[in-house]
N, C-alpha and C. Protein backbone atom coordinates (compact mmCIF):
# COMPACT_ATOMS: atom_id res chain seq x y z
N UNK A 1 13.71 -11.48 9.52
CA UNK A 1 11.81 -12.17 9.74
C UNK A 1 11.05 -11.73 8.59
N UNK A 2 11.10 -10.33 8.51
CA UNK A 2 10.07 -9.67 7.61
C UNK A 2 10.10 -10.23 6.10
N UNK A 3 11.91 -10.75 5.83
CA UNK A 3 11.34 -11.51 4.54
C UNK A 3 11.03 -12.99 4.50
N UNK A 4 11.11 -13.69 5.87
CA UNK A 4 10.31 -15.05 5.78
C UNK A 4 8.90 -14.74 5.64
N UNK A 5 8.60 -13.59 6.55
CA UNK A 5 6.84 -13.29 6.36
C UNK A 5 6.22 -13.44 4.52
N UNK A 6 7.46 -12.66 4.01
CA UNK A 6 6.41 -12.30 2.83
C UNK A 6 6.89 -13.34 2.10
N UNK A 7 7.81 -14.61 2.34
CA UNK A 7 7.83 -15.95 1.62
C UNK A 7 6.78 -16.37 1.82
N UNK A 8 6.54 -16.76 2.91
CA UNK A 8 5.11 -17.56 3.52
C UNK A 8 3.91 -16.79 2.86
N UNK A 9 4.13 -15.29 3.15
CA UNK A 9 3.11 -14.89 2.16
C UNK A 9 2.31 -14.93 1.16
N UNK A 10 3.57 -14.95 0.29
CA UNK A 10 3.30 -15.45 -1.41
C UNK A 10 3.23 -17.06 -1.34
N UNK A 11 4.03 -18.12 -0.58
CA UNK A 11 3.90 -19.07 -1.03
C UNK A 11 1.79 -19.74 -0.53
N UNK A 12 1.43 -18.95 0.49
CA UNK A 12 0.18 -19.83 1.03
C UNK A 12 -0.80 -18.93 -0.42
N UNK A 13 -0.49 -17.53 -0.30
CA UNK A 13 -1.01 -17.09 -1.50
C UNK A 13 -1.76 -17.93 -2.68
N UNK A 14 -0.26 -18.01 -3.36
CA UNK A 14 -0.45 -18.79 -4.55
C UNK A 14 -0.58 -20.63 -4.55
N UNK A 15 -0.48 -20.89 -3.39
CA UNK A 15 -1.29 -22.47 -2.80
C UNK A 15 -2.80 -22.18 -3.40
N UNK A 16 -3.07 -21.27 -1.97
CA UNK A 16 -4.42 -21.07 -2.19
C UNK A 16 -5.34 -20.54 -3.70
N UNK A 17 -4.69 -19.57 -4.72
CA UNK A 17 -4.83 -19.35 -5.47
C UNK A 17 -5.18 -20.32 -6.59
N UNK A 18 -4.27 -21.48 -6.85
CA UNK A 18 -3.93 -22.91 -7.28
C UNK A 18 -5.32 -23.39 -7.28
N UNK A 19 -5.22 -23.63 -5.62
CA UNK A 19 -6.44 -24.13 -5.06
C UNK A 19 -7.51 -24.16 -5.87
N UNK A 20 -7.69 -22.73 -5.69
CA UNK A 20 -9.28 -22.26 -6.21
C UNK A 20 -9.34 -22.09 -7.24
N UNK A 21 -8.46 -22.10 -8.53
CA UNK A 21 -8.58 -22.16 -10.00
C UNK A 21 -8.66 -23.29 -10.59
N UNK A 22 -7.27 -24.30 -9.54
CA UNK A 22 -7.76 -25.75 -10.31
C UNK A 22 -7.57 -26.55 -9.44
N UNK A 23 -8.58 -26.90 -8.47
CA UNK A 23 -8.40 -27.81 -7.46
C UNK A 23 -8.07 -29.45 -7.87
N UNK A 24 -8.40 -29.55 -8.95
CA UNK A 24 -8.69 -31.26 -9.61
C UNK A 24 -6.89 -31.11 -9.53
N UNK A 25 -6.32 -30.53 -10.60
CA UNK A 25 -4.83 -30.38 -10.82
C UNK A 25 -3.94 -30.26 -9.23
N UNK A 26 -4.27 -29.52 -8.56
CA UNK A 26 -3.60 -29.57 -7.23
C UNK A 26 -3.72 -31.06 -6.51
N UNK A 27 -5.04 -31.36 -6.54
CA UNK A 27 -5.34 -32.95 -5.62
C UNK A 27 -4.72 -33.92 -6.60
N UNK A 28 -4.24 -33.84 -7.74
CA UNK A 28 -3.59 -35.02 -7.97
C UNK A 28 -1.87 -34.93 -8.23
N UNK A 29 -0.97 -33.32 -8.01
CA UNK A 29 -0.14 -33.38 -7.89
C UNK A 29 0.18 -33.57 -6.46
N UNK A 30 -0.71 -32.88 -5.56
CA UNK A 30 0.00 -33.15 -4.16
C UNK A 30 -0.37 -34.63 -3.43
N UNK A 31 -1.66 -35.18 -4.34
CA UNK A 31 -2.35 -36.54 -3.54
C UNK A 31 -2.32 -37.51 -3.81
N UNK A 32 -2.02 -37.36 -5.26
CA UNK A 32 -1.85 -38.24 -6.62
C UNK A 32 -3.44 -38.58 -6.68
N UNK A 33 -4.37 -38.14 -6.68
CA UNK A 33 -5.48 -38.78 -6.88
C UNK A 33 -6.30 -37.14 -7.43
N UNK A 34 -7.14 -37.62 -8.75
CA UNK A 34 -8.36 -36.41 -8.73
C UNK A 34 -9.12 -36.18 -8.02
N UNK A 35 -9.54 -34.95 -7.52
CA UNK A 35 -10.61 -34.58 -6.62
C UNK A 35 -11.70 -34.42 -7.59
N UNK A 36 -12.63 -34.96 -7.00
CA UNK A 36 -14.22 -34.60 -7.21
C UNK A 36 -15.35 -34.53 -6.44
N UNK A 37 -16.25 -34.53 -6.86
CA UNK A 37 -17.58 -34.16 -5.73
C UNK A 37 -17.66 -33.06 -5.46
N UNK A 38 -17.98 -33.50 -3.49
CA UNK A 38 -17.73 -32.46 -3.14
C UNK A 38 -16.64 -31.87 -2.45
N UNK A 39 -15.47 -32.61 -2.70
CA UNK A 39 -14.46 -32.27 -2.69
C UNK A 39 -13.89 -30.63 -3.40
N UNK A 40 -13.75 -30.91 -4.50
CA UNK A 40 -14.04 -29.30 -5.42
C UNK A 40 -14.54 -27.73 -4.57
N UNK A 41 -15.65 -27.81 -4.27
CA UNK A 41 -16.28 -26.78 -3.46
C UNK A 41 -15.29 -26.74 -1.79
N UNK A 42 -15.19 -27.56 -1.19
CA UNK A 42 -14.30 -27.69 -0.12
C UNK A 42 -12.75 -27.24 -0.17
N UNK A 43 -12.53 -27.81 -1.13
CA UNK A 43 -10.68 -27.13 -1.88
C UNK A 43 -10.98 -26.17 -1.93
N UNK A 44 -12.09 -25.35 -2.67
CA UNK A 44 -11.66 -24.42 -3.05
C UNK A 44 -12.18 -23.07 -2.12
N UNK A 45 -12.75 -23.35 -1.15
CA UNK A 45 -13.01 -22.72 0.48
C UNK A 45 -11.85 -22.64 1.17
N UNK A 46 -10.77 -23.96 1.12
CA UNK A 46 -9.54 -23.64 1.53
C UNK A 46 -8.76 -22.90 0.96
N UNK A 47 -8.79 -23.02 -0.63
CA UNK A 47 -8.11 -21.55 -1.32
C UNK A 47 -8.47 -20.48 -0.67
N UNK A 48 -9.41 -20.24 -0.57
CA UNK A 48 -9.58 -18.82 -0.14
C UNK A 48 -9.27 -18.81 1.65
N UNK A 49 -8.86 -19.17 1.98
CA UNK A 49 -8.58 -19.40 3.28
C UNK A 49 -7.06 -19.19 3.17
N UNK A 50 -6.21 -19.65 2.15
CA UNK A 50 -4.79 -19.43 2.35
C UNK A 50 -4.90 -18.49 1.19
N UNK A 51 -5.88 -17.92 0.57
CA UNK A 51 -4.97 -16.14 -0.14
C UNK A 51 -5.33 -15.61 1.18
N UNK A 52 -6.36 -15.53 2.00
CA UNK A 52 -6.57 -14.54 2.92
C UNK A 52 -5.26 -14.39 4.47
N UNK A 53 -5.11 -16.04 4.40
CA UNK A 53 -3.61 -15.75 5.06
C UNK A 53 -2.72 -15.36 4.34
N UNK A 54 -2.32 -15.59 3.45
CA UNK A 54 -1.62 -15.06 2.74
C UNK A 54 -1.38 -13.29 2.62
N UNK A 55 -2.70 -12.67 2.63
CA UNK A 55 -2.79 -10.90 3.25
C UNK A 55 -2.72 -10.92 4.55
N UNK A 56 -3.31 -11.98 5.28
CA UNK A 56 -2.83 -11.93 6.58
C UNK A 56 -1.42 -11.28 7.20
N UNK A 57 -0.83 -12.52 6.70
CA UNK A 57 0.44 -12.09 6.72
C UNK A 57 1.57 -11.16 6.46
N UNK A 58 0.76 -11.13 4.97
CA UNK A 58 2.01 -9.92 4.08
C UNK A 58 1.66 -8.53 5.13
N UNK A 59 2.54 -7.71 4.98
CA UNK A 59 3.00 -6.25 5.70
C UNK A 59 1.54 -5.60 5.88
N UNK A 60 0.62 -6.07 6.30
CA UNK A 60 -0.98 -5.74 6.32
C UNK A 60 -1.42 -6.13 7.62
N UNK A 61 -2.82 -5.70 7.68
CA UNK A 61 -3.15 -6.04 9.15
C UNK A 61 -4.30 -7.21 9.02
N UNK A 62 -3.98 -8.27 9.85
CA UNK A 62 -4.76 -9.54 10.17
C UNK A 62 -6.02 -8.96 9.62
N UNK A 63 -6.79 -7.56 9.88
CA UNK A 63 -8.01 -7.31 9.27
C UNK A 63 -8.42 -7.88 7.98
N UNK A 64 -7.27 -7.33 7.36
CA UNK A 64 -7.47 -7.36 5.78
C UNK A 64 -7.79 -8.90 5.26
N UNK A 65 -6.81 -9.77 6.03
CA UNK A 65 -7.00 -10.94 5.61
C UNK A 65 -8.67 -11.60 5.60
N UNK A 66 -8.89 -11.16 7.39
CA UNK A 66 -10.15 -12.02 7.86
C UNK A 66 -11.28 -11.11 6.48
N UNK A 67 -11.57 -9.96 6.46
CA UNK A 67 -12.17 -8.98 5.64
C UNK A 67 -12.18 -9.82 3.95
N UNK A 68 -10.85 -10.22 3.90
CA UNK A 68 -10.87 -10.60 2.45
C UNK A 68 -11.57 -12.36 1.87
N UNK A 69 -11.38 -12.73 3.42
CA UNK A 69 -11.49 -14.50 3.59
C UNK A 69 -13.31 -14.01 3.64
N UNK A 70 -13.90 -13.43 4.36
CA UNK A 70 -15.13 -13.27 4.79
C UNK A 70 -15.84 -12.99 3.43
N UNK A 71 -15.49 -11.58 2.30
CA UNK A 71 -16.27 -11.34 1.50
C UNK A 71 -16.15 -12.35 0.52
N UNK A 72 -15.01 -13.04 0.40
CA UNK A 72 -14.52 -14.05 -0.69
C UNK A 72 -15.72 -15.35 -0.46
N UNK A 73 -15.62 -15.76 0.69
CA UNK A 73 -16.36 -17.07 0.81
C UNK A 73 -17.97 -16.65 1.09
N UNK A 74 -18.11 -15.57 1.37
CA UNK A 74 -19.41 -15.23 1.19
C UNK A 74 -20.12 -15.36 -0.15
N UNK A 75 -19.01 -14.81 -1.13
CA UNK A 75 -19.51 -14.85 -2.58
C UNK A 75 -19.67 -16.16 -3.17
N UNK A 76 -18.59 -17.03 -2.60
CA UNK A 76 -18.56 -18.05 -3.52
C UNK A 76 -19.50 -19.05 -2.71
N UNK A 77 -19.66 -19.00 -1.54
CA UNK A 77 -21.05 -20.07 -0.97
C UNK A 77 -22.68 -19.35 -1.55
N UNK A 78 -22.63 -18.24 -1.93
CA UNK A 78 -24.20 -18.32 -2.14
C UNK A 78 -24.29 -18.29 -3.59
N UNK A 79 -23.04 -17.78 -4.53
CA UNK A 79 -22.92 -18.97 -5.91
C UNK A 79 -23.15 -20.57 -5.66
N UNK A 80 -22.51 -21.02 -4.82
CA UNK A 80 -22.82 -22.65 -4.77
C UNK A 80 -24.57 -22.85 -4.55
N UNK A 81 -25.35 -21.63 -3.93
CA UNK A 81 -26.60 -21.80 -3.20
C UNK A 81 -27.63 -21.66 -4.51
N UNK A 82 -26.99 -20.43 -5.16
CA UNK A 82 -27.84 -20.02 -6.35
C UNK A 82 -27.79 -20.73 -7.22
N UNK A 83 -26.50 -21.69 -7.69
CA UNK A 83 -26.11 -22.34 -8.67
C UNK A 83 -26.95 -23.65 -8.63
N UNK A 84 -27.29 -24.27 -7.44
CA UNK A 84 -27.96 -25.21 -7.03
C UNK A 84 -26.98 -26.29 -6.39
N UNK A 85 -25.21 -26.38 -7.15
CA UNK A 85 -24.60 -27.40 -7.09
C UNK A 85 -24.52 -28.16 -5.61
N UNK A 86 -24.67 -26.69 -4.55
CA UNK A 86 -24.59 -27.36 -3.07
C UNK A 86 -25.59 -26.79 -2.59
N UNK A 87 -25.99 -27.42 -2.07
CA UNK A 87 -27.28 -26.58 -0.94
C UNK A 87 -27.46 -27.43 0.47
N UNK A 88 -26.53 -27.57 1.38
CA UNK A 88 -26.63 -28.17 2.54
C UNK A 88 -27.85 -27.55 3.23
N UNK A 89 -28.47 -27.91 4.42
CA UNK A 89 -28.74 -26.91 5.26
C UNK A 89 -28.43 -25.68 5.92
N UNK A 90 -26.94 -26.20 6.09
CA UNK A 90 -26.64 -25.12 6.63
C UNK A 90 -25.90 -23.48 5.26
N UNK A 91 -26.03 -23.98 4.51
CA UNK A 91 -25.37 -22.94 3.47
C UNK A 91 -26.37 -21.36 3.39
N UNK A 92 -27.15 -21.62 3.63
CA UNK A 92 -27.62 -20.12 3.37
C UNK A 92 -27.54 -19.60 5.04
N UNK A 93 -27.91 -20.13 6.21
CA UNK A 93 -27.32 -19.34 7.04
C UNK A 93 -25.78 -18.95 7.54
N UNK A 94 -25.00 -20.01 6.65
CA UNK A 94 -23.21 -19.38 6.49
C UNK A 94 -23.00 -18.32 5.80
N UNK A 95 -23.49 -18.01 4.44
CA UNK A 95 -23.74 -17.41 3.76
C UNK A 95 -23.90 -15.77 4.62
N UNK A 96 -25.24 -15.93 5.25
CA UNK A 96 -25.80 -14.80 6.16
C UNK A 96 -24.54 -14.48 7.13
N UNK A 97 -24.08 -15.60 7.46
CA UNK A 97 -23.37 -15.22 9.03
C UNK A 97 -21.54 -14.28 8.53
N UNK A 98 -21.46 -14.95 7.14
CA UNK A 98 -20.09 -14.58 6.62
C UNK A 98 -20.36 -12.80 6.07
N UNK A 99 -21.88 -12.87 5.67
CA UNK A 99 -22.04 -11.54 4.78
C UNK A 99 -21.92 -10.38 6.00
N UNK A 100 -22.31 -10.44 7.58
CA UNK A 100 -22.77 -10.06 8.45
C UNK A 100 -21.27 -10.30 9.05
N UNK A 101 -20.54 -10.81 8.81
CA UNK A 101 -19.03 -10.50 9.23
C UNK A 101 -18.41 -9.46 8.16
N UNK A 102 -18.16 -9.91 6.91
CA UNK A 102 -18.05 -8.67 6.41
C UNK A 102 -18.49 -7.23 6.70
N UNK A 103 -19.41 -7.25 6.77
CA UNK A 103 -20.12 -6.01 6.92
C UNK A 103 -19.22 -5.23 8.15
N UNK A 104 -19.15 -6.15 9.52
CA UNK A 104 -18.59 -5.50 10.82
C UNK A 104 -16.71 -5.53 10.34
N UNK A 105 -16.49 -6.10 9.79
CA UNK A 105 -15.20 -6.43 9.36
C UNK A 105 -14.43 -5.25 8.27
N UNK A 106 -15.67 -4.45 7.38
CA UNK A 106 -15.28 -3.51 6.78
C UNK A 106 -15.91 -1.97 7.56
N UNK A 107 -16.81 -2.22 8.14
CA UNK A 107 -16.91 -1.05 9.17
C UNK A 107 -15.90 -0.94 10.29
N UNK A 108 -14.90 -1.54 10.65
CA UNK A 108 -14.44 -1.65 12.15
C UNK A 108 -13.12 -0.93 12.14
N UNK A 109 -12.69 0.09 12.96
CA UNK A 109 -11.73 1.15 12.60
C UNK A 109 -10.56 0.43 12.24
N UNK A 110 -9.72 0.75 11.49
CA UNK A 110 -8.25 0.49 11.36
C UNK A 110 -7.53 0.28 11.96
N UNK A 111 -7.03 -1.13 12.73
CA UNK A 111 -5.63 -1.04 14.06
C UNK A 111 -4.70 0.18 13.41
N UNK A 112 -4.51 0.25 14.41
CA UNK A 112 -3.12 1.18 14.38
C UNK A 112 -1.80 0.43 14.42
N UNK A 113 -0.72 0.54 13.72
CA UNK A 113 0.02 -0.50 13.92
C UNK A 113 1.44 0.34 14.88
N UNK A 114 1.93 -0.50 15.85
CA UNK A 114 3.22 -0.06 16.49
C UNK A 114 4.34 0.78 15.61
N UNK A 115 4.65 1.73 16.14
CA UNK A 115 6.08 2.36 15.65
C UNK A 115 6.60 1.05 15.29
N UNK A 116 7.53 1.49 14.16
CA UNK A 116 8.98 0.38 14.05
C UNK A 116 10.06 0.73 14.95
N UNK A 117 10.17 -0.69 15.37
CA UNK A 117 10.86 -1.04 16.89
C UNK A 117 11.97 -0.73 15.86
N UNK A 118 12.70 -1.02 14.53
CA UNK A 118 13.50 -1.00 13.95
C UNK A 118 14.21 0.59 13.91
N UNK A 119 13.37 1.10 13.78
CA UNK A 119 13.12 3.05 13.23
C UNK A 119 14.25 3.10 14.17
N UNK A 120 14.06 2.73 15.70
CA UNK A 120 14.77 3.72 16.60
C UNK A 120 16.58 3.43 16.54
N UNK A 121 16.55 1.70 16.17
CA UNK A 121 17.60 1.32 16.34
C UNK A 121 18.82 1.97 15.00
N UNK A 122 18.06 2.32 14.27
CA UNK A 122 18.88 2.38 13.13
C UNK A 122 19.65 3.95 13.24
N UNK A 123 18.84 4.82 13.67
CA UNK A 123 19.13 6.26 14.00
C UNK A 123 20.40 5.93 15.33
N UNK A 124 20.51 4.83 15.72
CA UNK A 124 21.78 5.21 16.85
C UNK A 124 22.81 4.74 16.81
N UNK A 125 22.93 4.05 15.20
CA UNK A 125 24.20 3.42 15.07
C UNK A 125 25.34 4.36 14.03
């Protein structure tokens, strides 16, 4: 099961990185169409989410994935607002919300992992 989670984590994070860096190419290869306009920033946010999902599935806590997503999407949405390329009514409230979530997640105490159930079984062989 651990191997499957690592494989899934690497796959999702890799796809997310591709969506973040070359969204047009991924759109063309997956959907047969070049992405353009508003589809580019939406695709990049989806890429950030997939990278965070990969982090959450990796042998780390889900909090790490949420923290990575919230911090990255805060920075990306703020970049969109500052550059003036996309400025919808809810853009800056979304930036503030994600910034607050980032601070809360960063300050939250780390969750304790339960003891590895397999450790006890290995010693009884």
